[in-house]
All heavy atoms as atom14 arrays in JSON, in Angstrom:
{
  "sequence": "VKEKIAPATAARRASLSMYLPLFAPFSRDMARFRRQSY",
  "atom14_mask": [
    [1, 1, 1, 1, 1, 1, 1, 0, 0, 0, 0, 0, 0, 0],
    [1, 1, 1, 1, 1, 1, 1, 1, 1, 0, 0, 0, 0, 0],
    [1, 1, 1, 1, 1, 1, 1, 1, 1, 0, 0, 0, 0, 0],
    [1, 1, 1, 1, 1, 1, 1, 1, 1, 0, 0, 0, 0, 0],
    [1, 1, 1, 1, 1, 1, 1, 1, 0, 0, 0, 0, 0, 0],
    [1, 1, 1, 1, 1, 0, 0, 0, 0, 0, 0, 0, 0, 0],
    [1, 1, 1, 1, 1, 1, 1, 0, 0, 0, 0, 0, 0, 0],
    [1, 1, 1, 1, 1, 0, 0, 0, 0, 0, 0, 0, 0, 0],
    [1, 1, 1, 1, 1, 1, 1, 0, 0, 0, 0, 0, 0, 0],
    [1, 1, 1, 1, 1, 0, 0, 0, 0, 0, 0, 0, 0, 0],
    [1, 1, 1, 1, 1, 0, 0, 0, 0, 0, 0, 0, 0, 0],
    [1, 1, 1, 1, 1, 1, 1, 1, 1, 1, 1, 0, 0, 0],
    [1, 1, 1, 1, 1, 1, 1, 1, 1, 1, 1, 0, 0, 0],
    [1, 1, 1, 1, 1, 0, 0, 0, 0, 0, 0, 0, 0, 0],
    [1, 1, 1, 1, 1, 1, 0, 0, 0, 0, 0, 0, 0, 0],
    [1, 1, 1, 1, 1, 1, 1, 1, 0, 0, 0, 0, 0, 0],
    [1, 1, 1, 1, 1, 1, 0, 0, 0, 0, 0, 0, 0, 0],
    [1, 1, 1, 1, 1, 1, 1, 1, 0, 0, 0, 0, 0, 0],
    [1, 1, 1, 1, 1, 1, 1, 1, 1, 1, 1, 1, 0, 0],
    [1, 1, 1, 1, 1, 1, 1, 1, 0, 0, 0, 0, 0, 0],
    [1, 1, 1, 1, 1, 1, 1, 0, 0, 0, 0, 0, 0, 0],
    [1, 1, 1, 1, 1, 1, 1, 1, 0, 0, 0, 0, 0, 0],
    [1, 1, 1, 1, 1, 1, 1, 1, 1, 1, 1, 0, 0, 0],
    [1, 1, 1, 1, 1, 0, 0, 0, 0, 0, 0, 0, 0, 0],
    [1, 1, 1, 1, 1, 1, 1, 0, 0, 0, 0, 0, 0, 0],
    [1, 1, 1, 1, 1, 1, 1, 1, 1, 1, 1, 0, 0, 0],
    [1, 1, 1, 1, 1, 1, 0, 0, 0, 0, 0, 0, 0, 0],
    [1, 1, 1, 1, 1, 1, 1, 1, 1, 1, 1, 0, 0, 0],
    [1, 1, 1, 1, 1, 1, 1, 1, 0, 0, 0, 0, 0, 0],
    [1, 1, 1, 1, 1, 1, 1, 1, 0, 0, 0, 0, 0, 0],
    [1, 1, 1, 1, 1, 0, 0, 0, 0, 0, 0, 0, 0, 0],
    [1, 1, 1, 1, 1, 1, 1, 1, 1, 1, 1, 0, 0, 0],
    [1, 1, 1, 1, 1, 1, 1, 1, 1, 1, 1, 0, 0, 0],
    [1, 1, 1, 1, 1, 1, 1, 1, 1, 1, 1, 0, 0, 0],
    [1, 1, 1, 1, 1, 1, 1, 1, 1, 1, 1, 0, 0, 0],
    [1, 1, 1, 1, 1, 1, 1, 1, 1, 0, 0, 0, 0, 0],
    [1, 1, 1, 1, 1, 1, 0, 0, 0, 0, 0, 0, 0, 0],
    [1, 1, 1, 1, 1, 1, 1, 1, 1, 1, 1, 1, 0, 0]
  ],
  "atom14_positions": [
    [[-17.08, 9.07, -4.13], [-15.69, 8.91, -3.77], [-14.98, 10.26, -3.8], [-14.24, 10.63, -2.87], [-14.98, 7.89, -4.68], [-13.47, 7.94, -4.52], [-15.53, 6.48, -4.44], [0.0, 0.0, 0.0], [0.0, 0.0, 0.0], [0.0, 0.0, 0.0], [0.0, 0.0, 0.0], [0.0, 0.0, 0.0], [0.0, 0.0, 0.0], [0.0, 0.0, 0.0]],
    [[-15.25, 11.02, -4.87], [-14.56, 12.29, -5.07], [-14.99, 13.33, -3.98], [-14.16, 14.02, -3.41], [-14.88, 12.84, -6.43], [-14.25, 14.24, -6.72], [-14.68, 14.74, -8.1], [-14.14, 16.14, -8.32], [-14.58, 16.67, -9.65], [0.0, 0.0, 0.0], [0.0, 0.0, 0.0], [0.0, 0.0, 0.0], [0.0, 0.0, 0.0], [0.0, 0.0, 0.0]],
    [[-16.31, 13.37, -3.7], [-16.86, 14.45, -2.85], [-16.82, 14.09, -1.38], [-16.65, 15.0, -0.53], [-18.3, 14.76, -3.29], [-18.43, 15.33, -4.69], [-17.71, 16.66, -4.83], [-17.8, 17.49, -3.9], [-17.1, 16.89, -5.88], [0.0, 0.0, 0.0], [0.0, 0.0, 0.0], [0.0, 0.0, 0.0], [0.0, 0.0, 0.0], [0.0, 0.0, 0.0]],
    [[-17.01, 12.84, -1.04], [-17.2, 12.5, 0.38], [-16.17, 11.5, 0.96], [-15.79, 11.62, 2.13], [-18.6, 11.9, 0.57], [-19.72, 12.86, 0.28], [-19.79, 13.97, 1.33], [-20.97, 14.92, 1.12], [-21.05, 16.0, 2.15], [0.0, 0.0, 0.0], [0.0, 0.0, 0.0], [0.0, 0.0, 0.0], [0.0, 0.0, 0.0], [0.0, 0.0, 0.0]],
    [[-15.75, 10.56, 0.15], [-14.95, 9.45, 0.71], [-13.48, 9.8, 0.67], [-12.77, 9.72, 1.71], [-15.22, 8.14, -0.03], [-16.74, 7.74, 0.18], [-14.32, 7.03, 0.44], [-17.18, 6.53, -0.6], [0.0, 0.0, 0.0], [0.0, 0.0, 0.0], [0.0, 0.0, 0.0], [0.0, 0.0, 0.0], [0.0, 0.0, 0.0], [0.0, 0.0, 0.0]],
    [[-12.93, 10.18, -0.5], [-11.49, 10.52, -0.58], [-11.06, 11.67, 0.31], [-10.03, 11.58, 0.96], [-11.15, 10.79, -2.04], [0.0, 0.0, 0.0], [0.0, 0.0, 0.0], [0.0, 0.0, 0.0], [0.0, 0.0, 0.0], [0.0, 0.0, 0.0], [0.0, 0.0, 0.0], [0.0, 0.0, 0.0], [0.0, 0.0, 0.0], [0.0, 0.0, 0.0]],
    [[-11.84, 12.75, 0.39], [-11.4, 13.85, 1.29], [-11.27, 13.47, 2.75], [-10.57, 14.11, 3.51], [-12.49, 14.93, 1.09], [-13.09, 14.62, -0.26], [-13.04, 13.13, -0.37], [0.0, 0.0, 0.0], [0.0, 0.0, 0.0], [0.0, 0.0, 0.0], [0.0, 0.0, 0.0], [0.0, 0.0, 0.0], [0.0, 0.0, 0.0], [0.0, 0.0, 0.0]],
    [[-11.96, 12.42, 3.18], [-11.96, 12.01, 4.57], [-11.0, 10.85, 4.87], [-11.05, 10.24, 5.9], [-13.39, 11.62, 5.02], [0.0, 0.0, 0.0], [0.0, 0.0, 0.0], [0.0, 0.0, 0.0], [0.0, 0.0, 0.0], [0.0, 0.0, 0.0], [0.0, 0.0, 0.0], [0.0, 0.0, 0.0], [0.0, 0.0, 0.0], [0.0, 0.0, 0.0]],
    [[-10.1, 10.55, 3.89], [-9.21, 9.4, 4.07], [-8.37, 9.5, 5.33], [-8.24, 8.55, 6.07], [-8.32, 9.3, 2.83], [-9.12, 9.13, 1.66], [-7.33, 8.14, 2.97], [0.0, 0.0, 0.0], [0.0, 0.0, 0.0], [0.0, 0.0, 0.0], [0.0, 0.0, 0.0], [0.0, 0.0, 0.0], [0.0, 0.0, 0.0], [0.0, 0.0, 0.0]],
    [[-7.75, 10.65, 5.57], [-6.87, 10.81, 6.73], [-7.61, 10.61, 8.05], [-7.17, 9.89, 8.95], [-6.17, 12.14, 6.72], [0.0, 0.0, 0.0], [0.0, 0.0, 0.0], [0.0, 0.0, 0.0], [0.0, 0.0, 0.0], [0.0, 0.0, 0.0], [0.0, 0.0, 0.0], [0.0, 0.0, 0.0], [0.0, 0.0, 0.0], [0.0, 0.0, 0.0]],
    [[-8.79, 11.2, 8.15], [-9.62, 11.08, 9.35], [-10.09, 9.62, 9.56], [-10.11, 9.1, 10.67], [-10.8, 12.0, 9.3], [0.0, 0.0, 0.0], [0.0, 0.0, 0.0], [0.0, 0.0, 0.0], [0.0, 0.0, 0.0], [0.0, 0.0, 0.0], [0.0, 0.0, 0.0], [0.0, 0.0, 0.0], [0.0, 0.0, 0.0], [0.0, 0.0, 0.0]],
    [[-10.39, 8.98, 8.45], [-10.87, 7.58, 8.54], [-9.74, 6.69, 8.99], [-9.94, 5.8, 9.87], [-11.44, 7.16, 7.17], [-12.09, 5.8, 7.16], [-12.9, 5.61, 5.9], [-12.11, 5.74, 4.69], [-12.22, 6.74, 3.84], [-13.07, 7.76, 4.06], [-11.48, 6.82, 2.8], [0.0, 0.0, 0.0], [0.0, 0.0, 0.0], [0.0, 0.0, 0.0]],
    [[-8.54, 6.9, 8.46], [-7.42, 6.07, 8.89], [-7.03, 6.31, 10.39], [-6.71, 5.39, 11.09], [-6.19, 6.39, 8.01], [-6.31, 5.79, 6.62], [-5.15, 6.2, 5.71], [-5.23, 5.57, 4.41], [-4.51, 5.9, 3.37], [-3.59, 6.87, 3.49], [-4.64, 5.28, 2.22], [0.0, 0.0, 0.0], [0.0, 0.0, 0.0], [0.0, 0.0, 0.0]],
    [[-7.21, 7.54, 10.82], [-6.94, 7.81, 12.25], [-7.96, 7.1, 13.15], [-7.6, 6.55, 14.18], [-7.01, 9.34, 12.48], [0.0, 0.0, 0.0], [0.0, 0.0, 0.0], [0.0, 0.0, 0.0], [0.0, 0.0, 0.0], [0.0, 0.0, 0.0], [0.0, 0.0, 0.0], [0.0, 0.0, 0.0], [0.0, 0.0, 0.0], [0.0, 0.0, 0.0]],
    [[-9.24, 7.1, 12.69], [-10.24, 6.38, 13.47], [-9.96, 4.87, 13.49], [-10.14, 4.21, 14.52], [-11.63, 6.67, 12.9], [-11.96, 8.03, 13.04], [0.0, 0.0, 0.0], [0.0, 0.0, 0.0], [0.0, 0.0, 0.0], [0.0, 0.0, 0.0], [0.0, 0.0, 0.0], [0.0, 0.0, 0.0], [0.0, 0.0, 0.0], [0.0, 0.0, 0.0]],
    [[-9.54, 4.36, 12.33], [-9.28, 2.9, 12.25], [-8.16, 2.54, 13.16], [-8.2, 1.51, 13.87], [-8.91, 2.55, 10.8], [-10.09, 2.39, 9.84], [-9.58, 2.22, 8.4], [-11.0, 1.21, 10.22], [0.0, 0.0, 0.0], [0.0, 0.0, 0.0], [0.0, 0.0, 0.0], [0.0, 0.0, 0.0], [0.0, 0.0, 0.0], [0.0, 0.0, 0.0]],
    [[-7.07, 3.34, 13.17], [-5.95, 3.0, 14.06], [-6.34, 2.99, 15.53], [-5.81, 2.27, 16.32], [-4.78, 3.95, 13.81], [-5.16, 5.27, 14.2], [0.0, 0.0, 0.0], [0.0, 0.0, 0.0], [0.0, 0.0, 0.0], [0.0, 0.0, 0.0], [0.0, 0.0, 0.0], [0.0, 0.0, 0.0], [0.0, 0.0, 0.0], [0.0, 0.0, 0.0]],
    [[-7.33, 3.86, 15.87], [-7.74, 3.99, 17.27], [-8.71, 2.86, 17.66], [-8.62, 2.23, 18.73], [-8.41, 5.32, 17.5], [-8.79, 5.64, 18.94], [-9.6, 7.19, 19.11], [-8.34, 8.32, 18.44], [0.0, 0.0, 0.0], [0.0, 0.0, 0.0], [0.0, 0.0, 0.0], [0.0, 0.0, 0.0], [0.0, 0.0, 0.0], [0.0, 0.0, 0.0]],
    [[-9.7, 2.57, 16.8], [-10.79, 1.72, 17.16], [-10.72, 0.27, 16.59], [-11.46, -0.61, 17.03], [-12.11, 2.35, 16.73], [-12.4, 3.63, 17.52], [-12.4, 4.84, 16.82], [-12.69, 3.62, 18.84], [-12.66, 6.05, 17.52], [-12.98, 4.79, 19.52], [-12.94, 5.97, 18.82], [-13.2, 7.15, 19.52], [0.0, 0.0, 0.0], [0.0, 0.0, 0.0]],
    [[-9.89, 0.07, 15.59], [-9.8, -1.24, 14.96], [-9.54, -2.4, 15.97], [-10.18, -3.44, 15.91], [-8.76, -1.25, 13.83], [-8.69, -2.54, 13.01], [-10.03, -2.81, 12.33], [-7.6, -2.45, 11.97], [0.0, 0.0, 0.0], [0.0, 0.0, 0.0], [0.0, 0.0, 0.0], [0.0, 0.0, 0.0], [0.0, 0.0, 0.0], [0.0, 0.0, 0.0]],
    [[-8.59, -2.2, 16.93], [-8.37, -3.28, 17.89], [-9.63, -3.68, 18.68], [-9.79, -4.84, 19.07], [-7.27, -2.7, 18.81], [-6.57, -1.71, 18.0], [-7.65, -1.08, 17.14], [0.0, 0.0, 0.0], [0.0, 0.0, 0.0], [0.0, 0.0, 0.0], [0.0, 0.0, 0.0], [0.0, 0.0, 0.0], [0.0, 0.0, 0.0], [0.0, 0.0, 0.0]],
    [[-10.53, -2.7, 18.9], [-11.73, -2.98, 19.67], [-12.76, -3.73, 18.82], [-13.46, -4.59, 19.31], [-12.35, -1.67, 20.17], [-11.51, -0.85, 21.15], [-12.22, 0.49, 21.45], [-11.31, -1.64, 22.43], [0.0, 0.0, 0.0], [0.0, 0.0, 0.0], [0.0, 0.0, 0.0], [0.0, 0.0, 0.0], [0.0, 0.0, 0.0], [0.0, 0.0, 0.0]],
    [[-12.85, -3.39, 17.53], [-13.9, -3.96, 16.71], [-13.46, -5.18, 15.88], [-14.27, -5.86, 15.31], [-14.48, -2.89, 15.76], [-15.35, -1.89, 16.46], [-14.85, -0.68, 16.86], [-16.65, -2.16, 16.7], [-15.64, 0.26, 17.53], [-17.49, -1.27, 17.36], [-16.98, -0.05, 17.77], [0.0, 0.0, 0.0], [0.0, 0.0, 0.0], [0.0, 0.0, 0.0]],
    [[-12.15, -5.39, 15.78], [-11.64, -6.52, 14.95], [-12.18, -7.86, 15.36], [-12.6, -8.62, 14.49], [-10.11, -6.5, 14.93], [0.0, 0.0, 0.0], [0.0, 0.0, 0.0], [0.0, 0.0, 0.0], [0.0, 0.0, 0.0], [0.0, 0.0, 0.0], [0.0, 0.0, 0.0], [0.0, 0.0, 0.0], [0.0, 0.0, 0.0], [0.0, 0.0, 0.0]],
    [[-12.22, -8.19, 16.68], [-12.76, -9.53, 17.02], [-14.21, -9.66, 16.61], [-14.63, -10.74, 16.1], [-12.62, -9.58, 18.55], [-11.49, -8.63, 18.84], [-11.65, -7.51, 17.82], [0.0, 0.0, 0.0], [0.0, 0.0, 0.0], [0.0, 0.0, 0.0], [0.0, 0.0, 0.0], [0.0, 0.0, 0.0], [0.0, 0.0, 0.0], [0.0, 0.0, 0.0]],
    [[-15.01, -8.59, 16.83], [-16.44, -8.66, 16.43], [-16.53, -8.8, 14.89], [-17.38, -9.62, 14.4], [-17.12, -7.37, 16.88], [-18.54, -7.27, 16.46], [-19.5, -7.99, 17.12], [-18.91, -6.48, 15.39], [-20.88, -7.9, 16.74], [-20.22, -6.37, 14.99], [-21.2, -7.05, 15.67], [0.0, 0.0, 0.0], [0.0, 0.0, 0.0], [0.0, 0.0, 0.0]],
    [[-15.71, -8.08, 14.17], [-15.74, -8.18, 12.72], [-15.38, -9.59, 12.24], [-16.0, -10.14, 11.31], [-14.78, -7.18, 12.12], [-14.73, -7.26, 10.7], [0.0, 0.0, 0.0], [0.0, 0.0, 0.0], [0.0, 0.0, 0.0], [0.0, 0.0, 0.0], [0.0, 0.0, 0.0], [0.0, 0.0, 0.0], [0.0, 0.0, 0.0], [0.0, 0.0, 0.0]],
    [[-14.43, -10.2, 12.87], [-14.02, -11.58, 12.5], [-15.17, -12.55, 12.77], [-15.44, -13.47, 12.0], [-12.79, -12.01, 13.26], [-11.51, -11.39, 12.72], [-10.26, -12.06, 13.26], [-10.1, -11.83, 14.72], [-9.38, -10.85, 15.2], [-8.75, -9.98, 14.4], [-9.29, -10.66, 16.53], [0.0, 0.0, 0.0], [0.0, 0.0, 0.0], [0.0, 0.0, 0.0]],
    [[-15.91, -12.34, 13.91], [-17.07, -13.2, 14.2], [-18.14, -13.04, 13.13], [-18.71, -14.05, 12.66], [-17.66, -12.82, 15.57], [-16.84, -13.35, 16.72], [-15.96, -14.22, 16.48], [-16.97, -12.86, 17.84], [0.0, 0.0, 0.0], [0.0, 0.0, 0.0], [0.0, 0.0, 0.0], [0.0, 0.0, 0.0], [0.0, 0.0, 0.0], [0.0, 0.0, 0.0]],
    [[-18.43, -11.81, 12.75], [-19.46, -11.55, 11.76], [-19.08, -12.18, 10.4], [-19.92, -12.74, 9.69], [-19.67, -10.06, 11.6], [-20.31, -9.36, 12.77], [-21.93, -10.01, 13.23], [-21.46, -11.03, 14.66], [0.0, 0.0, 0.0], [0.0, 0.0, 0.0], [0.0, 0.0, 0.0], [0.0, 0.0, 0.0], [0.0, 0.0, 0.0], [0.0, 0.0, 0.0]],
    [[-17.79, -12.08, 10.06], [-17.34, -12.66, 8.78], [-17.49, -14.2, 8.82], [-17.89, -14.84, 7.84], [-15.87, -12.29, 8.49], [0.0, 0.0, 0.0], [0.0, 0.0, 0.0], [0.0, 0.0, 0.0], [0.0, 0.0, 0.0], [0.0, 0.0, 0.0], [0.0, 0.0, 0.0], [0.0, 0.0, 0.0], [0.0, 0.0, 0.0], [0.0, 0.0, 0.0]],
    [[-17.16, -14.78, 9.97], [-17.32, -16.2, 10.14], [-18.8, -16.65, 10.01], [-19.12, -17.63, 9.32], [-16.73, -16.69, 11.45], [-16.71, -18.21, 11.61], [-16.04, -18.68, 12.88], [-16.88, -18.47, 14.08], [-16.75, -17.52, 14.96], [-15.75, -16.65, 14.83], [-17.56, -17.46, 16.0], [0.0, 0.0, 0.0], [0.0, 0.0, 0.0], [0.0, 0.0, 0.0]],
    [[-19.66, -15.91, 10.69], [-21.08, -16.24, 10.59], [-21.63, -16.09, 9.2], [-22.43, -16.89, 8.74], [-21.91, -15.32, 11.57], [-21.61, -15.54, 13.03], [-21.69, -14.44, 13.88], [-21.26, -16.78, 13.53], [-21.38, -14.59, 15.25], [-20.97, -16.94, 14.89], [-21.03, -15.86, 15.72], [0.0, 0.0, 0.0], [0.0, 0.0, 0.0], [0.0, 0.0, 0.0]],
    [[-21.1, -15.07, 8.49], [-21.6, -14.87, 7.1], [-21.15, -16.06, 6.23], [-21.94, -16.59, 5.45], [-21.03, -13.56, 6.53], [-21.61, -13.24, 5.17], [-20.96, -12.07, 4.47], [-19.63, -12.44, 4.0], [-18.48, -11.99, 4.51], [-18.52, -11.16, 5.57], [-17.34, -12.36, 4.01], [0.0, 0.0, 0.0], [0.0, 0.0, 0.0], [0.0, 0.0, 0.0]],
    [[-19.9, -16.51, 6.36], [-19.45, -17.67, 5.61], [-20.26, -18.91, 5.96], [-20.64, -19.72, 5.13], [-17.95, -17.92, 5.86], [-17.05, -16.85, 5.29], [-15.59, -17.32, 5.32], [-15.12, -17.54, 6.67], [-14.55, -16.62, 7.44], [-14.37, -15.4, 6.95], [-14.15, -16.89, 8.66], [0.0, 0.0, 0.0], [0.0, 0.0, 0.0], [0.0, 0.0, 0.0]],
    [[-20.53, -19.08, 7.25], [-21.31, -20.24, 7.7], [-22.73, -20.21, 7.12], [-23.31, -21.29, 6.89], [-21.37, -20.2, 9.25], [-21.97, -21.46, 9.87], [-21.92, -21.41, 11.41], [-21.26, -20.5, 11.99], [-22.62, -22.28, 12.03], [0.0, 0.0, 0.0], [0.0, 0.0, 0.0], [0.0, 0.0, 0.0], [0.0, 0.0, 0.0], [0.0, 0.0, 0.0]],
    [[-23.28, -19.03, 6.89], [-24.65, -18.92, 6.43], [-24.86, -19.51, 5.04], [-25.99, -19.79, 4.63], [-25.11, -17.48, 6.46], [-24.49, -16.7, 5.42], [0.0, 0.0, 0.0], [0.0, 0.0, 0.0], [0.0, 0.0, 0.0], [0.0, 0.0, 0.0], [0.0, 0.0, 0.0], [0.0, 0.0, 0.0], [0.0, 0.0, 0.0], [0.0, 0.0, 0.0]],
    [[-23.76, -19.68, 4.28], [-23.87, -20.3, 2.98], [-23.86, -21.84, 3.02], [-24.12, -22.49, 2.05], [-22.66, -19.84, 2.09], [-22.82, -18.45, 1.59], [-22.23, -17.37, 2.31], [-23.52, -18.14, 0.44], [-22.37, -16.08, 1.87], [-23.62, -16.84, 0.0], [-23.05, -15.79, 0.7], [-23.14, -14.52, 0.24], [0.0, 0.0, 0.0], [0.0, 0.0, 0.0]]
  ]
}
C-alpha cells in the first residue's frame, strides 16, 4: 500500500472515471454470477 498502491491513487481515480462506465455492466454481471454460484 505504501510503496505501490497509495502513490498511484490519483492516476487510478482518473482511469476509473474514464473507463468505469464501460466496465461497470460487465462487473455487475460477474458479481451476479458469483452470487449465483453459491
